[in-house]
Amino acid sequence: MEVSRIIAEIDAQISKLQQARALLAGTTELATKGPGRPRGRKAAVKAAAPAPKKATVRKRKLSPEGRKRIADAMKKRWAERRKQNPKG
């Protein structure tokens, strides 16, 4: 037998024993919880949540003049910063 197959079988047995222990102890959870979000919750939440309406969600558009104004302001800002911290 390959080592990886033996490890997989041991893990399966451990899982079965943990489930049996949980049932005998009377707990509702069958496996111990690990850190993070439970598996499978993301898809279930997406399916249950209604989709947002496209008509109410509008994307903002920036005019070419506004874009140029922002670009010029950023160039000025970076030029001032370069003057304050010259490489050398």
PDB file of N, CA and C in Angstrom:
ATOM      1  N   MET A   1       0.828  -1.184   0.000  1.00  0.00           N
ATOM      2  CA  MET A   1       0.000   0.000   0.000  1.00  0.00           C
ATOM      3  C   MET A   1       0.872   1.247   0.000  1.00  0.00           C
ATOM      4  N   GLU A   2       0.373   2.266  -0.645  1.00  0.00           N
ATOM      5  CA  GLU A   2       1.083   3.528  -0.651  1.00  0.00           C
ATOM      6  C   GLU A   2       0.826   4.267   0.652  1.00  0.00           C
ATOM      7  N   VAL A   3       1.794   5.069   1.041  1.00  0.00           N
ATOM      8  CA  VAL A   3       1.684   5.814   2.295  1.00  0.00           C
ATOM      9  C   VAL A   3       0.509   6.783   2.251  1.00  0.00           C
ATOM     10  N   SER A   4       0.322   7.457   1.114  1.00  0.00           N
ATOM     11  CA  SER A   4      -0.776   8.425   1.018  1.00  0.00           C
ATOM     12  C   SER A   4      -2.138   7.742   1.161  1.00  0.00           C
ATOM     13  N   ARG A   5      -2.262   6.524   0.638  1.00  0.00           N
ATOM     14  CA  ARG A   5      -3.528   5.799   0.761  1.00  0.00           C
ATOM     15  C   ARG A   5      -3.769   5.384   2.206  1.00  0.00           C
ATOM     16  N   ILE A   6      -2.722   4.965   2.900  1.00  0.00           N
ATOM     17  CA  ILE A   6      -2.845   4.588   4.316  1.00  0.00           C
ATOM     18  C   ILE A   6      -3.274   5.793   5.139  1.00  0.00           C
ATOM     19  N   ILE A   7      -2.661   6.948   4.866  1.00  0.00           N
ATOM     20  CA  ILE A   7      -3.023   8.173   5.594  1.00  0.00           C
ATOM     21  C   ILE A   7      -4.476   8.533   5.327  1.00  0.00           C
ATOM     22  N   ALA A   8      -4.922   8.401   4.087  1.00  0.00           N
ATOM     23  CA  ALA A   8      -6.315   8.716   3.749  1.00  0.00           C
ATOM     24  C   ALA A   8      -7.275   7.801   4.493  1.00  0.00           C
ATOM     25  N   GLU A   9      -6.937   6.513   4.605  1.00  0.00           N
ATOM     26  CA  GLU A   9      -7.791   5.576   5.327  1.00  0.00           C
ATOM     27  C   GLU A   9      -7.821   5.891   6.821  1.00  0.00           C
ATOM     28  N   ILE A  10      -6.674   6.273   7.366  1.00  0.00           N
ATOM     29  CA  ILE A  10      -6.628   6.646   8.792  1.00  0.00           C
ATOM     30  C   ILE A  10      -7.494   7.882   9.035  1.00  0.00           C
ATOM     31  N   ASP A  11      -7.397   8.866   8.138  1.00  0.00           N
ATOM     32  CA  ASP A  11      -8.224  10.071   8.275  1.00  0.00           C
ATOM     33  C   ASP A  11      -9.706   9.740   8.203  1.00  0.00           C
ATOM     34  N   ALA A  12     -10.067   8.811   7.331  1.00  0.00           N
ATOM     35  CA  ALA A  12     -11.472   8.410   7.221  1.00  0.00           C
ATOM     36  C   ALA A  12     -11.948   7.752   8.506  1.00  0.00           C
ATOM     37  N   GLN A  13     -11.106   6.891   9.085  1.00  0.00           N
ATOM     38  CA  GLN A  13     -11.463   6.233  10.342  1.00  0.00           C
ATOM     39  C   GLN A  13     -11.595   7.254  11.469  1.00  0.00           C
ATOM     40  N   ILE A  14     -10.695   8.229  11.509  1.00  0.00           N
ATOM     41  CA  ILE A  14     -10.769   9.272  12.543  1.00  0.00           C
ATOM     42  C   ILE A  14     -12.074  10.042  12.404  1.00  0.00           C
ATOM     43  N   SER A  15     -12.441  10.366  11.182  1.00  0.00           N
ATOM     44  CA  SER A  15     -13.683  11.099  10.950  1.00  0.00           C
ATOM     45  C   SER A  15     -14.889  10.290  11.431  1.00  0.00           C
ATOM     46  N   LYS A  16     -14.907   9.009  11.122  1.00  0.00           N
ATOM     47  CA  LYS A  16     -16.017   8.156  11.562  1.00  0.00           C
ATOM     48  C   LYS A  16     -16.079   8.066  13.082  1.00  0.00           C
ATOM     49  N   LEU A  17     -14.917   7.948  13.720  1.00  0.00           N
ATOM     50  CA  LEU A  17     -14.890   7.866  15.187  1.00  0.00           C
ATOM     51  C   LEU A  17     -15.353   9.177  15.825  1.00  0.00           C
ATOM     52  N   GLN A  18     -14.990  10.309  15.224  1.00  0.00           N
ATOM     53  CA  GLN A  18     -15.444  11.593  15.767  1.00  0.00           C
ATOM     54  C   GLN A  18     -16.952  11.733  15.639  1.00  0.00           C
ATOM     55  N   GLN A  19     -17.509  11.257  14.534  1.00  0.00           N
ATOM     56  CA  GLN A  19     -18.958  11.313  14.365  1.00  0.00           C
ATOM     57  C   GLN A  19     -19.654  10.423  15.391  1.00  0.00           C
ATOM     58  N   ALA A  20     -19.110   9.237  15.611  1.00  0.00           N
ATOM     59  CA  ALA A  20     -19.701   8.324  16.585  1.00  0.00           C
ATOM     60  C   ALA A  20     -19.619   8.917  17.982  1.00  0.00           C
ATOM     61  N   ARG A  21     -18.500   9.550  18.322  1.00  0.00           N
ATOM     62  CA  ARG A  21     -18.336  10.171  19.637  1.00  0.00           C
ATOM     63  C   ARG A  21     -19.335  11.306  19.821  1.00  0.00           C
ATOM     64  N   ALA A  22     -19.528  12.114  18.766  1.00  0.00           N
ATOM     65  CA  ALA A  22     -20.465  13.227  18.847  1.00  0.00           C
ATOM     66  C   ALA A  22     -21.893  12.720  19.054  1.00  0.00           C
ATOM     67  N   LEU A  23     -22.254  11.647  18.380  1.00  0.00           N
ATOM     68  CA  LEU A  23     -23.592  11.081  18.553  1.00  0.00           C
ATOM     69  C   LEU A  23     -23.785  10.523  19.963  1.00  0.00           C
ATOM     70  N   LEU A  24     -22.763   9.852  20.483  1.00  0.00           N
ATOM     71  CA  LEU A  24     -22.871   9.291  21.827  1.00  0.00           C
ATOM     72  C   LEU A  24     -22.883  10.378  22.897  1.00  0.00           C
ATOM     73  N   ALA A  25     -22.153  11.451  22.664  1.00  0.00           N
ATOM     74  CA  ALA A  25     -22.105  12.536  23.642  1.00  0.00           C
ATOM     75  C   ALA A  25     -23.374  13.387  23.593  1.00  0.00           C
ATOM     76  N   GLY A  26     -24.133  13.274  22.514  1.00  0.00           N
ATOM     77  CA  GLY A  26     -25.387  14.021  22.421  1.00  0.00           C
ATOM     78  C   GLY A  26     -25.218  15.412  21.859  1.00  0.00           C
ATOM     79  N   THR A  27     -24.092  15.704  21.269  1.00  0.00           N
ATOM     80  CA  THR A  27     -23.913  17.020  20.665  1.00  0.00           C
ATOM     81  C   THR A  27     -24.514  17.014  19.278  1.00  0.00           C
ATOM     82  N   THR A  28     -24.887  18.193  18.812  1.00  0.00           N
ATOM     83  CA  THR A  28     -25.511  18.295  17.505  1.00  0.00           C
ATOM     84  C   THR A  28     -24.487  18.368  16.388  1.00  0.00           C
ATOM     85  N   GLU A  29     -23.294  18.823  16.693  1.00  0.00           N
ATOM     86  CA  GLU A  29     -22.279  18.938  15.655  1.00  0.00           C
ATOM     87  C   GLU A  29     -21.552  17.613  15.510  1.00  0.00           C
ATOM     88  N   LEU A  30     -21.354  17.224  14.271  1.00  0.00           N
ATOM     89  CA  LEU A  30     -20.704  15.945  14.018  1.00  0.00           C
ATOM     90  C   LEU A  30     -19.191  16.083  13.906  1.00  0.00           C
ATOM     91  N   ALA A  31     -18.715  17.227  13.550  1.00  0.00           N
ATOM     92  CA  ALA A  31     -17.268  17.423  13.401  1.00  0.00           C
ATOM     93  C   ALA A  31     -16.855  18.643  14.197  1.00  0.00           C
ATOM     94  N   THR A  32     -15.594  18.672  14.565  1.00  0.00           N
ATOM     95  CA  THR A  32     -15.100  19.839  15.289  1.00  0.00           C
ATOM     96  C   THR A  32     -14.968  20.992  14.329  1.00  0.00           C
ATOM     97  N   LYS A  33     -15.259  22.175  14.830  1.00  0.00           N
ATOM     98  CA  LYS A  33     -15.177  23.359  13.990  1.00  0.00           C
ATOM     99  C   LYS A  33     -13.753  23.865  13.944  1.00  0.00           C
ATOM    100  N   GLY A  34     -13.366  24.300  12.787  1.00  0.00           N
ATOM    101  CA  GLY A  34     -12.062  24.920  12.616  1.00  0.00           C
ATOM    102  C   GLY A  34     -12.247  26.412  12.445  1.00  0.00           C
ATOM    103  N   PRO A  35     -11.158  27.125  12.293  1.00  0.00           N
ATOM    104  CA  PRO A  35     -11.277  28.569  12.107  1.00  0.00           C
ATOM    105  C   PRO A  35     -11.842  28.900  10.729  1.00  0.00           C
ATOM    106  N   GLY A  36     -12.513  30.019  10.626  1.00  0.00           N
ATOM    107  CA  GLY A  36     -12.999  30.481   9.331  1.00  0.00           C
ATOM    108  C   GLY A  36     -14.462  30.183   9.103  1.00  0.00           C
ATOM    109  N   ARG A  37     -14.875  30.517   7.924  1.00  0.00           N
ATOM    110  CA  ARG A  37     -16.272  30.367   7.534  1.00  0.00           C
ATOM    111  C   ARG A  37     -16.574  28.899   7.215  1.00  0.00           C
ATOM    112  N   PRO A  38     -17.745  28.400   7.593  1.00  0.00           N
ATOM    113  CA  PRO A  38     -18.097  27.019   7.271  1.00  0.00           C
ATOM    114  C   PRO A  38     -18.188  26.820   5.770  1.00  0.00           C
ATOM    115  N   ARG A  39     -17.853  25.646   5.304  1.00  0.00           N
ATOM    116  CA  ARG A  39     -17.894  25.359   3.880  1.00  0.00           C
ATOM    117  C   ARG A  39     -19.325  25.350   3.376  1.00  0.00           C
ATOM    118  N   GLY A  40     -19.506  25.833   2.165  1.00  0.00           N
ATOM    119  CA  GLY A  40     -20.805  25.784   1.527  1.00  0.00           C
ATOM    120  C   GLY A  40     -21.737  26.923   1.884  1.00  0.00           C
ATOM    121  N   ARG A  41     -21.375  27.775   2.798  1.00  0.00           N
ATOM    122  CA  ARG A  41     -22.270  28.852   3.198  1.00  0.00           C
ATOM    123  C   ARG A  41     -22.354  29.942   2.129  1.00  0.00           C
ATOM    124  N   LYS A  42     -21.273  30.218   1.450  1.00  0.00           N
ATOM    125  CA  LYS A  42     -21.246  31.308   0.491  1.00  0.00           C
ATOM    126  C   LYS A  42     -22.249  31.078  -0.633  1.00  0.00           C
ATOM    127  N   ALA A  43     -22.281  29.884  -1.178  1.00  0.00           N
ATOM    128  CA  ALA A  43     -23.201  29.579  -2.270  1.00  0.00           C
ATOM    129  C   ALA A  43     -24.642  29.603  -1.782  1.00  0.00           C
ATOM    130  N   ALA A  44     -24.882  29.129  -0.573  1.00  0.00           N
ATOM    131  CA  ALA A  44     -26.243  29.106  -0.040  1.00  0.00           C
ATOM    132  C   ALA A  44     -26.758  30.516   0.198  1.00  0.00           C
ATOM    133  N   VAL A  45     -25.894  31.397   0.677  1.00  0.00           N
ATOM    134  CA  VAL A  45     -26.309  32.780   0.929  1.00  0.00           C
ATOM    135  C   VAL A  45     -26.577  33.492  -0.386  1.00  0.00           C
ATOM    136  N   LYS A  46     -25.744  33.237  -1.392  1.00  0.00           N
ATOM    137  CA  LYS A  46     -25.957  33.867  -2.695  1.00  0.00           C
ATOM    138  C   LYS A  46     -27.278  33.421  -3.312  1.00  0.00           C
ATOM    139  N   ALA A  47     -27.602  32.151  -3.168  1.00  0.00           N
ATOM    140  CA  ALA A  47     -28.832  31.640  -3.757  1.00  0.00           C
ATOM    141  C   ALA A  47     -30.050  32.199  -3.038  1.00  0.00           C
ATOM    142  N   ALA A  48     -29.949  32.421  -1.744  1.00  0.00           N
ATOM    143  CA  ALA A  48     -31.093  32.897  -0.971  1.00  0.00           C
ATOM    144  C   ALA A  48     -31.311  34.398  -1.124  1.00  0.00           C
ATOM    145  N   ALA A  49     -30.236  35.158  -1.343  1.00  0.00           N
ATOM    146  CA  ALA A  49     -30.351  36.613  -1.432  1.00  0.00           C
ATOM    147  C   ALA A  49     -30.913  37.021  -2.789  1.00  0.00           C
ATOM    148  N   PRO A  50     -31.837  37.983  -2.796  1.00  0.00           N
ATOM    149  CA  PRO A  50     -32.362  38.440  -4.084  1.00  0.00           C
ATOM    150  C   PRO A  50     -31.307  39.277  -4.818  1.00  0.00           C
ATOM    151  N   ALA A  51     -31.347  39.226  -6.120  1.00  0.00           N
ATOM    152  CA  ALA A  51     -30.388  39.978  -6.926  1.00  0.00           C
ATOM    153  C   ALA A  51     -30.764  41.459  -6.924  1.00  0.00           C
ATOM    154  N   PRO A  52     -29.768  42.347  -6.895  1.00  0.00           N
ATOM    155  CA  PRO A  52     -30.096  43.776  -6.915  1.00  0.00           C
ATOM    156  C   PRO A  52     -30.679  44.161  -8.271  1.00  0.00           C
ATOM    157  N   LYS A  53     -31.566  45.143  -8.250  1.00  0.00           N
ATOM    158  CA  LYS A  53     -32.194  45.588  -9.482  1.00  0.00           C
ATOM    159  C   LYS A  53     -31.206  46.428 -10.275  1.00  0.00           C
ATOM    160  N   LYS A  54     -31.122  46.164 -11.554  1.00  0.00           N
ATOM    161  CA  LYS A  54     -30.175  46.860 -12.417  1.00  0.00           C
ATOM    162  C   LYS A  54     -30.591  48.317 -12.642  1.00  0.00           C
ATOM    163  N   ALA A  55     -31.874  48.597 -12.632  1.00  0.00           N
ATOM    164  CA  ALA A  55     -32.343  49.945 -12.922  1.00  0.00           C
ATOM    165  C   ALA A  55     -31.946  50.921 -11.818  1.00  0.00           C
ATOM    166  N   THR A  56     -31.852  50.452 -10.567  1.00  0.00           N
ATOM    167  CA  THR A  56     -31.535  51.365  -9.471  1.00  0.00           C
ATOM    168  C   THR A  56     -30.035  51.553  -9.281  1.00  0.00           C
ATOM    169  N   VAL A  57     -29.216  50.607  -9.762  1.00  0.00           N
ATOM    170  CA  VAL A  57     -27.778  50.712  -9.594  1.00  0.00           C
ATOM    171  C   VAL A  57     -27.197  51.343 -10.848  1.00  0.00           C
ATOM    172  N   ARG A  58     -26.651  52.552 -10.689  1.00  0.00           N
ATOM    173  CA  ARG A  58     -26.081  53.244 -11.839  1.00  0.00           C
ATOM    174  C   ARG A  58     -24.610  53.493 -11.609  1.00  0.00           C
ATOM    175  N   LYS A  59     -23.823  53.289 -12.633  1.00  0.00           N
ATOM    176  CA  LYS A  59     -22.392  53.510 -12.548  1.00  0.00           C
ATOM    177  C   LYS A  59     -22.102  54.975 -12.872  1.00  0.00           C
ATOM    178  N   ARG A  60     -21.238  55.570 -12.060  1.00  0.00           N
ATOM    179  CA  ARG A  60     -20.864  56.955 -12.312  1.00  0.00           C
ATOM    180  C   ARG A  60     -19.906  57.021 -13.488  1.00  0.00           C
ATOM    181  N   LYS A  61     -20.039  58.075 -14.257  1.00  0.00           N
ATOM    182  CA  LYS A  61     -19.146  58.274 -15.390  1.00  0.00           C
ATOM    183  C   LYS A  61     -18.410  59.591 -15.192  1.00  0.00           C
ATOM    184  N   LEU A  62     -17.132  59.576 -15.536  1.00  0.00           N
ATOM    185  CA  LEU A  62     -16.295  60.756 -15.396  1.00  0.00           C
ATOM    186  C   LEU A  62     -16.074  61.351 -16.776  1.00  0.00           C
ATOM    187  N   SER A  63     -16.317  62.647 -16.897  1.00  0.00           N
ATOM    188  CA  SER A  63     -16.131  63.298 -18.185  1.00  0.00           C
ATOM    189  C   SER A  63     -14.637  63.410 -18.496  1.00  0.00           C
ATOM    190  N   PRO A  64     -14.282  63.535 -19.743  1.00  0.00           N
ATOM    191  CA  PRO A  64     -12.864  63.691 -20.094  1.00  0.00           C
ATOM    192  C   PRO A  64     -12.227  64.923 -19.435  1.00  0.00           C
ATOM    193  N   GLU A  65     -13.003  65.994 -19.297  1.00  0.00           N
ATOM    194  CA  GLU A  65     -12.481  67.201 -18.641  1.00  0.00           C
ATOM    195  C   GLU A  65     -12.189  66.930 -17.167  1.00  0.00           C
ATOM    196  N   GLY A  66     -13.098  66.226 -16.520  1.00  0.00           N
ATOM    197  CA  GLY A  66     -12.894  65.886 -15.110  1.00  0.00           C
ATOM    198  C   GLY A  66     -11.704  64.968 -14.920  1.00  0.00           C
ATOM    199  N   ARG A  67     -11.557  64.012 -15.821  1.00  0.00           N
ATOM    200  CA  ARG A  67     -10.413  63.095 -15.764  1.00  0.00           C
ATOM    201  C   ARG A  67      -9.101  63.849 -15.933  1.00  0.00           C
ATOM    202  N   LYS A  68      -9.062  64.821 -16.876  1.00  0.00           N
ATOM    203  CA  LYS A  68      -7.852  65.616 -17.104  1.00  0.00           C
ATOM    204  C   LYS A  68      -7.547  66.482 -15.887  1.00  0.00           C
ATOM    205  N   ARG A  69      -8.573  67.033 -15.274  1.00  0.00           N
ATOM    206  CA  ARG A  69      -8.385  67.869 -14.086  1.00  0.00           C
ATOM    207  C   ARG A  69      -7.772  67.051 -12.947  1.00  0.00           C
ATOM    208  N   ILE A  70      -8.253  65.844 -12.753  1.00  0.00           N
ATOM    209  CA  ILE A  70      -7.714  64.977 -11.703  1.00  0.00           C
ATOM    210  C   ILE A  70      -6.281  64.573 -12.027  1.00  0.00           C
ATOM    211  N   ALA A  71      -6.006  64.241 -13.296  1.00  0.00           N
ATOM    212  CA  ALA A  71      -4.654  63.851 -13.693  1.00  0.00           C
ATOM    213  C   ALA A  71      -3.671  64.995 -13.474  1.00  0.00           C
ATOM    214  N   ASP A  72      -4.070  66.207 -13.833  1.00  0.00           N
ATOM    215  CA  ASP A  72      -3.179  67.366 -13.638  1.00  0.00           C
ATOM    216  C   ASP A  72      -2.917  67.610 -12.152  1.00  0.00           C
ATOM    217  N   ALA A  73      -3.955  67.461 -11.329  1.00  0.00           N
ATOM    218  CA  ALA A  73      -3.785  67.666  -9.885  1.00  0.00           C
ATOM    219  C   ALA A  73      -2.829  66.617  -9.308  1.00  0.00           C
ATOM    220  N   MET A  74      -2.932  65.373  -9.764  1.00  0.00           N
ATOM    221  CA  MET A  74      -2.035  64.330  -9.262  1.00  0.00           C
ATOM    222  C   MET A  74      -0.597  64.561  -9.718  1.00  0.00           C
ATOM    223  N   LYS A  75      -0.420  65.010 -10.963  1.00  0.00           N
ATOM    224  CA  LYS A  75       0.931  65.317 -11.446  1.00  0.00           C
ATOM    225  C   LYS A  75       1.554  66.434 -10.618  1.00  0.00           C
ATOM    226  N   LYS A  76       0.755  67.436 -10.284  1.00  0.00           N
ATOM    227  CA  LYS A  76       1.250  68.545  -9.462  1.00  0.00           C
ATOM    228  C   LYS A  76       1.620  68.040  -8.072  1.00  0.00           C
ATOM    229  N   ARG A  77       0.788  67.188  -7.505  1.00  0.00           N
ATOM    230  CA  ARG A  77       1.051  66.641  -6.169  1.00  0.00           C
ATOM    231  C   ARG A  77       2.349  65.843  -6.144  1.00  0.00           C
ATOM    232  N   TRP A  78       2.537  64.975  -7.138  1.00  0.00           N
ATOM    233  CA  TRP A  78       3.746  64.160  -7.172  1.00  0.00           C
ATOM    234  C   TRP A  78       4.987  64.997  -7.471  1.00  0.00           C
ATOM    235  N   ALA A  79       4.847  66.063  -8.249  1.00  0.00           N
ATOM    236  CA  ALA A  79       5.979  66.945  -8.503  1.00  0.00           C
ATOM    237  C   ALA A  79       6.423  67.621  -7.204  1.00  0.00           C
ATOM    238  N   GLU A  80       5.465  68.070  -6.405  1.00  0.00           N
ATOM    239  CA  GLU A  80       5.795  68.686  -5.113  1.00  0.00           C
ATOM    240  C   GLU A  80       6.458  67.680  -4.182  1.00  0.00           C
ATOM    241  N   ARG A  81       5.985  66.458  -4.190  1.00  0.00           N
ATOM    242  CA  ARG A  81       6.567  65.426  -3.334  1.00  0.00           C
ATOM    243  C   ARG A  81       7.998  65.112  -3.757  1.00  0.00           C
ATOM    244  N   ARG A  82       8.261  65.089  -5.079  1.00  0.00           N
ATOM    245  CA  ARG A  82       9.610  64.835  -5.563  1.00  0.00           C
ATOM    246  C   ARG A  82      10.564  65.955  -5.153  1.00  0.00           C
ATOM    247  N   LYS A  83      10.064  67.184  -5.119  1.00  0.00           N
ATOM    248  CA  LYS A  83      10.898  68.308  -4.681  1.00  0.00           C
ATOM    249  C   LYS A  83      11.274  68.174  -3.206  1.00  0.00           C
ATOM    250  N   GLN A  84      10.356  67.664  -2.388  1.00  0.00           N
ATOM    251  CA  GLN A  84      10.610  67.534  -0.957  1.00  0.00           C
ATOM    252  C   GLN A  84      11.577  66.402  -0.658  1.00  0.00           C
ATOM    253  N   ASN A  85      11.511  65.307  -1.393  1.00  0.00           N
ATOM    254  CA  ASN A  85      12.341  64.137  -1.146  1.00  0.00           C
ATOM    255  C   ASN A  85      13.165  63.782  -2.381  1.00  0.00           C
ATOM    256  N   PRO A  86      14.217  64.559  -2.667  1.00  0.00           N
ATOM    257  CA  PRO A  86      15.015  64.211  -3.848  1.00  0.00           C
ATOM    258  C   PRO A  86      15.846  62.962  -3.595  1.00  0.00           C
ATOM    259  N   LYS A  87      15.982  62.122  -4.613  1.00  0.00           N
ATOM    260  CA  LYS A  87      16.791  60.910  -4.474  1.00  0.00           C
ATOM    261  C   LYS A  87      18.256  61.319  -4.442  1.00  0.00           C
ATOM    262  N   GLY A  88      19.032  60.575  -3.683  1.00  0.00           N
ATOM    263  CA  GLY A  88      20.454  60.931  -3.702  1.00  0.00           C
ATOM    264  C   GLY A  88      21.172  60.377  -2.611  1.00  0.00           C
TER     265      GLY A  88
END
